[in-house]
Amino acid sequence: MLGREVIIITAEDCLHCIELEAVLAVAPLSVAHRFIEKGEATSLFADQTLFLHSIDVLPFAGIFDDSVCTEVIRAATRERLEEALLQR
């Protein structure tokens, strides 16, 4: 991935994750974003150890600039994500 992107880590049984997906389906972020199930993020975590070691509360998101995680957002909401994007 090149440019700016938000990657959001989710879990199948996470109600907050489902809610965030629904919100972003109606009101997308100002940059590209994608959802990845925590169990399917092994290769991402292998490449981005900062991202892996910061994860705690889902949904968990990372802002990536040219494939490098530059910021992490715990308990991500649309508002928290947009605020973090504006500050960069």
Protein backbone atom coordinates (compact mmCIF):
# COMPACT_ATOMS: atom_id res chain seq x y z
CA MET A 1 0.00 0.00 0.00
CA LEU A 2 1.25 3.44 -0.88
CA GLY A 3 -0.09 6.74 0.37
CA ARG A 4 -2.23 7.10 3.44
CA GLU A 5 -4.57 4.35 4.59
CA VAL A 6 -6.36 3.34 7.77
CA ILE A 7 -6.38 -0.34 8.68
CA ILE A 8 -8.94 -1.37 11.25
CA ILE A 9 -8.53 -4.63 13.16
CA THR A 10 -11.80 -6.27 14.11
CA ALA A 11 -13.17 -9.48 15.56
CA GLU A 12 -16.26 -11.35 14.46
CA ASP A 13 -17.89 -11.20 17.89
CA CYS A 14 -17.08 -7.51 18.57
CA LEU A 15 -20.23 -5.38 18.63
CA HIS A 16 -18.24 -2.13 18.50
CA CYS A 17 -16.47 -3.43 15.37
CA ILE A 18 -19.78 -4.18 13.68
CA GLU A 19 -21.04 -0.72 14.61
CA LEU A 20 -17.93 0.97 13.19
CA GLU A 21 -18.25 -0.97 9.93
CA ALA A 22 -21.87 0.18 9.62
CA VAL A 23 -20.98 3.81 10.36
CA LEU A 24 -18.15 3.84 7.81
CA ALA A 25 -20.37 2.23 5.19
CA VAL A 26 -22.64 5.28 5.41
CA ALA A 27 -20.01 7.95 6.15
CA PRO A 28 -16.57 6.84 4.90
CA LEU A 29 -13.34 8.27 6.23
CA SER A 30 -11.51 11.01 4.35
CA VAL A 31 -8.84 8.47 3.33
CA ALA A 32 -8.95 4.86 2.19
CA HIS A 33 -9.69 2.32 4.90
CA ARG A 34 -10.10 -1.41 5.22
CA PHE A 35 -11.10 -3.90 7.86
CA ILE A 36 -9.05 -6.97 8.74
CA GLU A 37 -10.10 -9.70 11.13
CA LYS A 38 -7.57 -10.03 13.95
CA GLY A 39 -7.01 -13.72 13.11
CA GLU A 40 -6.21 -12.85 9.49
CA ALA A 41 -3.69 -10.10 10.26
CA THR A 42 -0.67 -12.32 10.93
CA SER A 43 1.43 -11.04 8.03
CA LEU A 44 0.55 -7.42 8.81
CA PHE A 45 1.55 -7.92 12.44
CA ALA A 46 4.81 -9.58 11.38
CA ASP A 47 5.73 -6.52 9.30
CA GLN A 48 4.45 -3.91 11.76
CA THR A 49 5.53 -4.88 15.27
CA LEU A 50 4.58 -1.46 16.71
CA PHE A 51 1.05 -2.11 15.51
CA LEU A 52 1.00 -5.64 16.94
CA HIS A 53 2.32 -4.62 20.36
CA SER A 54 -0.09 -1.72 20.70
CA ILE A 55 -3.30 -3.64 20.06
CA ASP A 56 -5.58 -3.99 23.03
CA VAL A 57 -9.15 -2.70 22.64
CA LEU A 58 -11.13 -3.47 19.48
CA PRO A 59 -11.80 -2.01 17.06
CA PHE A 60 -8.18 -1.07 16.82
CA ALA A 61 -6.84 1.02 13.96
CA GLY A 62 -3.55 2.11 12.52
CA ILE A 63 -2.83 5.04 10.28
CA PHE A 64 -0.35 3.96 7.64
CA ASP A 65 1.74 6.28 5.50
CA ASP A 66 3.42 4.48 2.61
CA SER A 67 3.07 1.09 4.34
CA VAL A 68 4.46 2.26 7.70
CA CYS A 69 2.25 2.51 10.79
CA THR A 70 2.60 6.05 12.07
CA GLU A 71 -0.17 6.13 14.66
CA VAL A 72 -2.47 3.75 16.49
CA ILE A 73 -6.02 4.40 17.66
CA ARG A 74 -7.47 2.20 20.37
CA ALA A 75 -11.25 1.70 20.68
CA ALA A 76 -11.57 3.35 17.28
CA THR A 77 -14.59 5.41 16.33
CA ARG A 78 -15.12 7.44 13.19
CA GLU A 79 -14.59 10.63 15.20
CA ARG A 80 -11.31 9.44 16.76
CA LEU A 81 -10.02 8.31 13.37
CA GLU A 82 -10.84 11.60 11.63
CA GLU A 83 -9.34 13.59 14.51
CA ALA A 84 -6.09 11.62 14.24
CA LEU A 85 -6.04 12.10 10.46
CA LEU A 86 -6.51 15.87 10.81
CA GLN A 87 -3.62 16.15 13.28
CA ARG A 88 -1.14 14.64 10.83
